[in-house]
Amino acid sequence: KGKPIRTLSVQVEKHLGANTDYFASFSPLDSKELIQALAFRGSFSLCGYDFSLKGSQAALSTNERYAKWVDY
């Protein structure tokens, strides 16, 4: 919803070919807010790149640790 969540670190791994993976670490204090944002938003931006979150709510709700945060 336009509210930024500060990352602790971002790691970029470039692989042979065109594949690049981005790994971000966030504060454990922001975990619930972050998981809910990922579950209920359609996209997000990280380091100037836009990412789609299609299917993230379904994936998170199957995880025992996160399911309680994405229930309606």
C-alpha atoms as a PDB file:
ATOM      1  CA  LYS A   1       0.000   0.000   0.000  1.00  0.00           C
ATOM      2  CA  GLY A   2       2.900   2.271  -0.726  1.00  0.00           C
ATOM      3  CA  LYS A   3       4.444   1.829   2.722  1.00  0.00           C
ATOM      4  CA  PRO A   4       8.141   1.056   2.432  1.00  0.00           C
ATOM      5  CA  ILE A   5       9.707  -1.745   4.468  1.00  0.00           C
ATOM      6  CA  ARG A   6      13.421  -1.269   4.934  1.00  0.00           C
ATOM      7  CA  THR A   7      15.677  -4.141   3.948  1.00  0.00           C
ATOM      8  CA  LEU A   8      18.665  -5.160   6.051  1.00  0.00           C
ATOM      9  CA  SER A   9      20.539  -6.367   2.980  1.00  0.00           C
ATOM     10  CA  VAL A  10      20.035  -7.292  -0.659  1.00  0.00           C
ATOM     11  CA  GLN A  11      22.214  -9.814  -2.459  1.00  0.00           C
ATOM     12  CA  VAL A  12      22.305 -10.120  -6.241  1.00  0.00           C
ATOM     13  CA  GLU A  13      23.499 -13.381  -7.765  1.00  0.00           C
ATOM     14  CA  LYS A  14      24.171 -13.426 -11.482  1.00  0.00           C
ATOM     15  CA  HIS A  15      24.236 -16.762 -13.212  1.00  0.00           C
ATOM     16  CA  LEU A  16      25.513 -17.780 -16.616  1.00  0.00           C
ATOM     17  CA  GLY A  17      23.051 -16.684 -19.251  1.00  0.00           C
ATOM     18  CA  ALA A  18      20.309 -14.169 -18.474  1.00  0.00           C
ATOM     19  CA  ASN A  19      19.300 -15.421 -15.017  1.00  0.00           C
ATOM     20  CA  THR A  20      19.754 -13.087 -12.045  1.00  0.00           C
ATOM     21  CA  ASP A  21      18.434 -13.875  -8.562  1.00  0.00           C
ATOM     22  CA  TYR A  22      17.757 -11.298  -5.854  1.00  0.00           C
ATOM     23  CA  PHE A  23      17.762 -12.231  -2.158  1.00  0.00           C
ATOM     24  CA  ALA A  24      16.617  -9.707   0.437  1.00  0.00           C
ATOM     25  CA  SER A  25      16.797  -9.888   4.224  1.00  0.00           C
ATOM     26  CA  PHE A  26      14.283  -7.993   6.331  1.00  0.00           C
ATOM     27  CA  SER A  27      14.028  -7.227  10.026  1.00  0.00           C
ATOM     28  CA  PRO A  28      12.301  -9.989  12.045  1.00  0.00           C
ATOM     29  CA  LEU A  29      10.281  -7.215  13.691  1.00  0.00           C
ATOM     30  CA  ASP A  30       8.629  -6.476  10.343  1.00  0.00           C
ATOM     31  CA  SER A  31       7.851 -10.117   9.517  1.00  0.00           C
ATOM     32  CA  LYS A  32       4.069  -9.995   9.989  1.00  0.00           C
ATOM     33  CA  GLU A  33       3.731  -6.714   8.096  1.00  0.00           C
ATOM     34  CA  LEU A  34       5.957  -7.990   5.289  1.00  0.00           C
ATOM     35  CA  ILE A  35       4.157 -11.344   4.924  1.00  0.00           C
ATOM     36  CA  GLN A  36       0.764  -9.616   4.810  1.00  0.00           C
ATOM     37  CA  ALA A  37       2.024  -7.153   2.200  1.00  0.00           C
ATOM     38  CA  LEU A  38       3.327 -10.011   0.044  1.00  0.00           C
ATOM     39  CA  ALA A  39       0.086 -11.963   0.419  1.00  0.00           C
ATOM     40  CA  PHE A  40      -2.367  -9.164  -0.280  1.00  0.00           C
ATOM     41  CA  ARG A  41      -0.585  -7.078  -2.929  1.00  0.00           C
ATOM     42  CA  GLY A  42      -0.407  -7.773  -6.633  1.00  0.00           C
ATOM     43  CA  SER A  43       3.173  -6.595  -7.066  1.00  0.00           C
ATOM     44  CA  PHE A  44       6.093  -4.941  -5.302  1.00  0.00           C
ATOM     45  CA  SER A  45       9.284  -3.095  -6.135  1.00  0.00           C
ATOM     46  CA  LEU A  46      12.756  -3.881  -4.771  1.00  0.00           C
ATOM     47  CA  CYS A  47      15.937  -2.073  -5.734  1.00  0.00           C
ATOM     48  CA  GLY A  48      14.195  -0.466  -8.685  1.00  0.00           C
ATOM     49  CA  TYR A  49      12.829  -3.755 -10.062  1.00  0.00           C
ATOM     50  CA  ASP A  50       9.130  -4.652 -10.171  1.00  0.00           C
ATOM     51  CA  PHE A  51       7.955  -8.138  -9.163  1.00  0.00           C
ATOM     52  CA  SER A  52       4.586  -9.853  -9.580  1.00  0.00           C
ATOM     53  CA  LEU A  53       3.054 -11.538  -6.543  1.00  0.00           C
ATOM     54  CA  LYS A  54       0.504 -13.671  -8.367  1.00  0.00           C
ATOM     55  CA  GLY A  55      -0.194 -16.758  -6.267  1.00  0.00           C
ATOM     56  CA  SER A  56       1.721 -15.535  -3.218  1.00  0.00           C
ATOM     57  CA  GLN A  57      -1.300 -15.633  -0.885  1.00  0.00           C
ATOM     58  CA  ALA A  58      -2.002 -19.266  -1.754  1.00  0.00           C
ATOM     59  CA  ALA A  59       1.655 -20.226  -1.350  1.00  0.00           C
ATOM     60  CA  LEU A  60       2.015 -18.441   1.993  1.00  0.00           C
ATOM     61  CA  SER A  61      -1.216 -19.877   3.367  1.00  0.00           C
ATOM     62  CA  THR A  62       0.119 -23.424   2.917  1.00  0.00           C
ATOM     63  CA  ASN A  63       3.107 -22.657   5.141  1.00  0.00           C
ATOM     64  CA  GLU A  64       2.403 -23.459   8.802  1.00  0.00           C
ATOM     65  CA  ARG A  65       4.453 -20.487  10.037  1.00  0.00           C
ATOM     66  CA  TYR A  66       2.805 -17.859   7.819  1.00  0.00           C
ATOM     67  CA  ALA A  67      -0.761 -19.166   7.425  1.00  0.00           C
ATOM     68  CA  LYS A  68      -1.978 -17.435  10.592  1.00  0.00           C
ATOM     69  CA  TRP A  69      -0.940 -14.052   9.135  1.00  0.00           C
ATOM     70  CA  VAL A  70      -2.685 -14.448   5.776  1.00  0.00           C
ATOM     71  CA  ASP A  71      -6.056 -15.714   7.006  1.00  0.00           C
ATOM     72  CA  TYR A  72      -8.923 -13.313   6.478  1.00  0.00           C
END
